[in-house]
Amino acid sequence: MKPIAKWFYIAMEWIASRCSTKILSQNPEDIETAVRLKICRREKIRLLGNGIDLSIFDFKRFDTLARQQKRRQIGLPEEAVVLGILGRLVKEKGFLELFQSIKPLMDQYENLWLVIIGPEESEKSDRISGHTFQEYGIGNRTIWLGLQPHKEVPSLFSCFDIYTLPSWREGFPRSAIEAAAMGLPIVTYNIRGSRQVVNDGVNGFLVPLHNISALTEALNKLIKDPALRQKMGQAGYERAQVEFDEQKVCKIVLDTYEEELRKLHRNSKDGKEKKET
C-alpha cells in the first residue's frame, strides 16, 4: 500500500482494538505485525488459524474410477499430469506468471495439462479474461472451468496431480488448505499466508515472489517425479488433519467467548460485592 493508505488502515485497526475485548487472528505473522506496530498488546490477541471440513476434502473419498470419470467429464486425458489452480482471474493471483512458467514445461512434457477454476472479475482493475491463457501458446492443453459450486471442488481437485497458487498476497489461502487435504503437493510463492500452509520441501515448494524461473523449476521437479508428488501430497494430507480442521477453529471461537463471558461475569459479581460492602 501507499504510505497514506497504509497508516490510515493501521489507525483504524488501532481504534478497533481499543473497542475489542479479544482479537482472533487467522495468521501468526499478523499477530507479530499487530504487536510490532503497537495495534494491540500480545495478551489481547489469540491465534485462530483457518480450517475446512476435512470430511469433504479428503482424497480417500475418490477412487481411481471416480478420478477417471471426472477427468473424462472435463476433457482431460486419462494419462495426463494435471496442474490445477483455483482463484479469481486477476493478475495478483499470479496467473500471468504461471502461464509464462508453464509454457516451456508444456513444450517439454506432452502430457502436461493445466486446469483453471475461478470466475472473471470484470470490476477489478487488474482483471484478466478467462481466455488470456490462449495468448501464451498453452491453449491446446489448458481448460478453464470458470466459477464452480463449492461442492464440486473436491472432485475437481481429485483430478489434479499438483496444485499451484503463485499469488502475490494472501491472508491464509483456503484453496491451498483444501489442496493439502486432498493430498496434493503445492507450489506457491514464499509469502505470508502461503507459508502457513506449505512447509518448503516437505509438502510442496515455496519460491521467491515473481521469480518465474524458480516457479518453473519447482513445478518441473514435481512433474517429472511421481514418487515425490506422492510423498509431498501425503505430508500435506497429514498436516491438514492436524492443523486445518474447521472443528478446531470453531472450538477456539466458542472457547474464547466462554472465557471472556466468564471473566465479565466474575468482574461483575466482584463489583457488586464491593458495592454492597
Protein backbone atom coordinates (compact mmCIF):
# COMPACT_ATOMS: atom_id res chain seq x y z
CA MET A 1 0.00 0.00 0.00
CA LYS A 2 0.98 3.62 -0.39
CA PRO A 3 2.09 5.14 2.96
CA ILE A 4 -1.04 7.26 3.49
CA ALA A 5 -3.39 4.32 2.91
CA LYS A 6 -1.21 2.02 4.99
CA TRP A 7 -1.19 4.28 8.05
CA PHE A 8 -4.91 5.01 7.69
CA TYR A 9 -5.72 1.30 7.98
CA ILE A 10 -3.26 0.83 10.82
CA ALA A 11 -5.02 3.66 12.66
CA MET A 12 -8.40 2.03 12.04
CA GLU A 13 -7.07 -1.27 13.41
CA TRP A 14 -5.71 0.55 16.47
CA ILE A 15 -9.13 2.08 17.14
CA ALA A 16 -10.88 -1.26 16.59
CA SER A 17 -8.51 -2.97 19.02
CA ARG A 18 -9.42 -0.44 21.72
CA CYS A 19 -13.08 -1.38 21.22
CA SER A 20 -12.35 -5.12 21.39
CA THR A 21 -12.26 -7.44 24.36
CA LYS A 22 -10.28 -10.09 22.48
CA ILE A 23 -8.83 -10.32 18.98
CA LEU A 24 -8.64 -13.54 16.97
CA SER A 25 -6.05 -13.69 14.20
CA GLN A 26 -6.02 -16.26 11.41
CA ASN A 27 -2.34 -15.79 10.70
CA PRO A 28 0.53 -15.94 13.24
CA GLU A 29 2.53 -13.43 11.21
CA ASP A 30 -0.31 -10.93 11.64
CA ILE A 31 -0.01 -11.28 15.40
CA GLU A 32 3.65 -10.25 15.25
CA THR A 33 2.77 -7.34 12.97
CA ALA A 34 -0.01 -6.15 15.28
CA VAL A 35 2.31 -6.22 18.29
CA ARG A 36 5.21 -4.58 16.44
CA LEU A 37 3.00 -1.74 15.18
CA LYS A 38 1.50 -1.35 18.67
CA ILE A 39 -2.00 -2.05 17.37
CA CYS A 40 -2.64 -4.18 20.43
CA ARG A 41 -0.90 -5.91 23.29
CA ARG A 42 0.21 -9.51 22.76
CA GLU A 43 -2.02 -10.82 25.55
CA LYS A 44 -5.09 -9.37 23.83
CA ILE A 45 -4.67 -11.32 20.60
CA ARG A 46 -5.03 -15.06 20.07
CA LEU A 47 -4.22 -17.31 17.12
CA LEU A 48 -7.33 -18.67 15.44
CA GLY A 49 -5.90 -20.26 12.32
CA ASN A 50 -8.04 -21.47 9.43
CA GLY A 51 -9.85 -24.70 8.75
CA ILE A 52 -12.04 -26.64 6.35
CA ASP A 53 -14.42 -29.59 6.50
CA LEU A 54 -11.99 -32.49 6.37
CA SER A 55 -14.79 -34.98 5.84
CA ILE A 56 -15.46 -33.38 2.44
CA PHE A 57 -11.92 -32.52 1.41
CA ASP A 58 -10.34 -35.96 1.66
CA PHE A 59 -8.68 -37.62 -1.31
CA LYS A 60 -9.64 -41.03 0.09
CA ARG A 61 -13.25 -40.33 -0.95
CA PHE A 62 -12.27 -40.65 -4.62
CA ASP A 63 -11.02 -43.93 -6.01
CA THR A 64 -9.27 -44.41 -9.35
CA LEU A 65 -12.55 -44.96 -11.21
CA ALA A 66 -14.11 -41.75 -9.84
CA ARG A 67 -10.99 -39.79 -10.77
CA GLN A 68 -11.00 -41.18 -14.31
CA GLN A 69 -14.69 -40.41 -14.79
CA LYS A 70 -14.25 -36.82 -13.60
CA ARG A 71 -11.26 -36.34 -15.87
CA ARG A 72 -13.24 -37.53 -18.88
CA GLN A 73 -16.10 -35.24 -17.89
CA ILE A 74 -13.95 -32.11 -18.01
CA GLY A 75 -11.93 -33.17 -21.07
CA LEU A 76 -8.68 -34.42 -19.55
CA PRO A 77 -6.78 -37.40 -20.98
CA GLU A 78 -6.53 -40.30 -18.58
CA GLU A 79 -2.70 -40.31 -18.64
CA ALA A 80 -2.29 -36.53 -18.20
CA VAL A 81 -0.20 -34.91 -15.48
CA VAL A 82 -2.56 -32.17 -14.31
CA LEU A 83 -1.57 -28.89 -12.72
CA GLY A 84 -4.51 -27.13 -11.04
CA ILE A 85 -5.21 -23.66 -9.71
CA LEU A 86 -8.31 -22.10 -8.14
CA GLY A 87 -8.68 -18.35 -7.84
CA ARG A 88 -10.27 -15.16 -9.07
CA LEU A 89 -9.00 -14.20 -12.52
CA VAL A 90 -6.88 -11.21 -11.55
CA LYS A 91 -3.18 -10.51 -12.04
CA GLU A 92 -2.36 -10.56 -8.31
CA LYS A 93 -3.24 -14.26 -8.21
CA GLY A 94 -0.18 -14.83 -10.38
CA PHE A 95 -1.94 -16.20 -13.44
CA LEU A 96 0.21 -14.40 -16.00
CA GLU A 97 3.40 -15.57 -14.30
CA LEU A 98 2.02 -19.11 -14.19
CA PHE A 99 1.21 -19.00 -17.91
CA GLN A 100 4.77 -17.89 -18.66
CA SER A 101 6.15 -20.58 -16.39
CA ILE A 102 4.12 -23.45 -17.77
CA LYS A 103 4.75 -22.76 -21.48
CA PRO A 104 8.27 -24.31 -21.59
CA LEU A 105 7.03 -27.17 -19.41
CA MET A 106 4.23 -27.96 -21.84
CA ASP A 107 6.81 -27.88 -24.64
CA GLN A 108 8.87 -30.40 -22.67
CA TYR A 109 6.05 -32.67 -21.44
CA GLU A 110 3.39 -33.60 -23.98
CA ASN A 111 1.10 -35.00 -21.27
CA LEU A 112 1.09 -31.85 -19.09
CA TRP A 113 -2.27 -30.08 -18.70
CA LEU A 114 -3.43 -27.01 -16.78
CA VAL A 115 -6.90 -26.68 -15.24
CA ILE A 116 -8.14 -23.28 -14.01
CA ILE A 117 -11.09 -22.90 -11.65
CA GLY A 118 -12.35 -19.40 -10.93
CA PRO A 119 -14.53 -16.53 -12.12
CA GLU A 120 -13.69 -13.48 -14.17
CA GLU A 121 -13.66 -10.28 -12.11
CA SER A 122 -14.86 -7.62 -14.55
CA GLU A 123 -14.93 -4.85 -11.94
CA LYS A 124 -11.28 -5.30 -10.89
CA SER A 125 -8.57 -3.06 -12.33
CA ASP A 126 -6.16 -5.99 -12.67
CA ARG A 127 -8.73 -8.34 -14.22
CA ILE A 128 -7.80 -10.85 -16.88
CA SER A 129 -10.02 -12.73 -19.30
CA GLY A 130 -10.89 -16.36 -18.88
CA HIS A 131 -9.20 -16.96 -22.22
CA THR A 132 -5.99 -14.98 -21.58
CA PHE A 133 -4.04 -18.25 -21.37
CA GLN A 134 -4.51 -18.66 -25.13
CA GLU A 135 -2.16 -15.70 -25.68
CA TYR A 136 0.69 -17.70 -24.12
CA GLY A 137 0.63 -20.65 -26.50
CA ILE A 138 -0.85 -23.08 -23.98
CA GLY A 139 -4.44 -23.07 -25.18
CA ASN A 140 -4.45 -26.59 -26.56
CA ARG A 141 -3.77 -28.12 -23.12
CA THR A 142 -5.47 -25.66 -20.78
CA ILE A 143 -9.04 -25.93 -19.50
CA TRP A 144 -10.82 -23.00 -17.86
CA LEU A 145 -13.85 -24.19 -15.87
CA GLY A 146 -14.98 -20.80 -14.61
CA LEU A 147 -16.78 -20.43 -11.29
CA GLN A 148 -17.72 -23.82 -9.83
CA PRO A 149 -20.05 -24.71 -6.93
CA HIS A 150 -18.01 -25.33 -3.81
CA LYS A 151 -19.41 -28.85 -3.54
CA GLU A 152 -17.75 -29.66 -6.88
CA VAL A 153 -14.27 -28.56 -5.81
CA PRO A 154 -13.20 -31.80 -4.05
CA SER A 155 -13.99 -33.95 -7.09
CA LEU A 156 -12.19 -31.49 -9.36
CA PHE A 157 -9.17 -31.44 -7.07
CA SER A 158 -9.14 -35.24 -7.24
CA CYS A 159 -8.28 -34.85 -10.95
CA PHE A 160 -5.13 -32.84 -10.15
CA ASP A 161 -1.61 -34.13 -9.59
CA ILE A 162 -0.14 -30.80 -8.46
CA TYR A 163 -1.68 -27.63 -7.04
CA THR A 164 -0.19 -24.18 -7.55
CA LEU A 165 -1.03 -20.75 -6.20
CA PRO A 166 1.53 -18.13 -7.30
CA SER A 167 -0.47 -15.38 -5.59
CA TRP A 168 1.23 -12.10 -4.65
CA ARG A 169 -0.59 -11.74 -1.32
CA GLU A 170 -2.76 -13.96 0.86
CA GLY A 171 -4.19 -13.97 4.35
CA PHE A 172 -4.45 -17.72 4.82
CA PRO A 173 -5.32 -19.28 1.43
CA ARG A 174 -8.27 -21.59 1.77
CA SER A 175 -7.76 -23.22 -1.62
CA ALA A 176 -4.24 -24.26 -0.63
CA ILE A 177 -5.58 -25.79 2.59
CA GLU A 178 -8.15 -27.71 0.54
CA ALA A 179 -5.43 -28.89 -1.83
CA ALA A 180 -3.31 -30.11 1.07
CA ALA A 181 -6.26 -32.05 2.50
CA MET A 182 -6.78 -33.60 -0.93
CA GLY A 183 -3.23 -34.94 -0.85
CA LEU A 184 -1.78 -32.59 -3.46
CA PRO A 185 1.77 -31.21 -3.40
CA ILE A 186 1.68 -27.42 -3.59
CA VAL A 187 3.89 -24.86 -5.33
CA THR A 188 3.37 -21.29 -4.20
CA TYR A 189 5.21 -18.05 -3.64
CA ASN A 190 7.00 -17.56 -0.34
CA ILE A 191 4.56 -15.04 1.13
CA ARG A 192 2.59 -14.55 4.32
CA GLY A 193 -0.34 -16.93 4.36
CA SER A 194 1.10 -19.44 1.93
CA ARG A 195 3.94 -20.05 4.38
CA GLN A 196 1.33 -21.21 6.89
CA VAL A 197 0.19 -23.99 4.54
CA VAL A 198 3.36 -25.09 2.77
CA ASN A 199 6.43 -26.35 4.59
CA ASP A 200 9.09 -25.89 1.93
CA GLY A 201 10.50 -29.18 0.76
CA VAL A 202 8.02 -31.20 2.83
CA ASN A 203 4.52 -30.81 1.38
CA GLY A 204 5.48 -28.56 -1.51
CA PHE A 205 7.77 -25.76 -2.57
CA LEU A 206 7.93 -22.07 -1.64
CA VAL A 207 9.59 -19.98 -4.35
CA PRO A 208 10.65 -16.30 -4.35
CA LEU A 209 7.91 -13.83 -5.28
CA HIS A 210 7.70 -13.05 -9.02
CA ASN A 211 10.57 -15.44 -9.79
CA ILE A 212 9.24 -17.21 -12.87
CA SER A 213 12.32 -19.37 -13.40
CA ALA A 214 12.13 -20.63 -9.79
CA LEU A 215 8.42 -21.32 -10.24
CA THR A 216 9.16 -23.29 -13.40
CA GLU A 217 11.92 -25.27 -11.68
CA ALA A 218 9.74 -26.18 -8.69
CA LEU A 219 6.88 -27.31 -10.92
CA ASN A 220 9.30 -29.32 -13.05
CA LYS A 221 10.58 -31.23 -10.01
CA LEU A 222 7.06 -32.46 -9.30
CA ILE A 223 6.02 -33.07 -12.90
CA LYS A 224 8.91 -35.43 -13.57
CA ASP A 225 8.80 -37.28 -10.23
CA PRO A 226 5.56 -39.13 -9.36
CA ALA A 227 7.12 -40.53 -6.17
CA LEU A 228 7.93 -37.02 -4.94
CA ARG A 229 4.37 -35.92 -5.70
CA GLN A 230 3.01 -38.81 -3.67
CA LYS A 231 5.39 -38.19 -0.76
CA MET A 232 4.67 -34.46 -0.56
CA GLY A 233 0.95 -34.98 -1.06
CA GLN A 234 0.83 -37.41 1.86
CA ALA A 235 2.75 -34.94 4.04
CA GLY A 236 0.22 -32.23 3.16
CA TYR A 237 -2.68 -34.53 3.95
CA GLU A 238 -1.22 -35.36 7.37
CA ARG A 239 -0.60 -31.70 8.11
CA ALA A 240 -4.19 -30.84 7.19
CA GLN A 241 -5.52 -33.43 9.63
CA VAL A 242 -3.59 -31.82 12.47
CA GLU A 243 -3.74 -28.10 11.66
CA PHE A 244 -6.65 -27.33 9.32
CA ASP A 245 -9.73 -28.89 10.90
CA GLU A 246 -12.59 -26.37 11.00
CA GLN A 247 -13.95 -28.04 14.13
CA LYS A 248 -10.83 -26.94 16.00
CA VAL A 249 -11.18 -23.41 14.67
CA CYS A 250 -14.83 -23.25 15.76
CA LYS A 251 -13.86 -24.53 19.20
CA ILE A 252 -11.32 -21.73 19.62
CA VAL A 253 -14.01 -19.16 18.83
CA LEU A 254 -16.52 -20.68 21.24
CA ASP A 255 -13.92 -21.17 23.98
CA THR A 256 -12.80 -17.55 23.63
CA TYR A 257 -16.35 -16.24 24.03
CA GLU A 258 -16.89 -18.52 27.02
CA GLU A 259 -13.67 -17.37 28.70
CA GLU A 260 -14.42 -13.69 28.17
CA LEU A 261 -18.03 -14.03 29.34
CA ARG A 262 -16.83 -15.86 32.44
CA LYS A 263 -14.40 -13.01 33.16
CA LEU A 264 -17.18 -10.48 32.64
CA HIS A 265 -19.49 -12.35 35.00
CA ARG A 266 -16.76 -12.69 37.62
CA ASN A 267 -15.83 -9.00 37.43
CA SER A 268 -19.48 -8.00 37.62
CA LYS A 269 -20.00 -10.23 40.65
CA ASP A 270 -16.88 -8.84 42.38
CA GLY A 271 -18.01 -5.30 41.68
CA LYS A 272 -21.43 -5.97 43.13
CA GLU A 273 -19.96 -7.48 46.29
CA LYS A 274 -17.66 -4.50 46.77
CA LYS A 275 -20.57 -2.13 46.32
CA GLU A 276 -22.64 -3.98 48.94
CA THR A 277 -19.70 -3.97 51.35
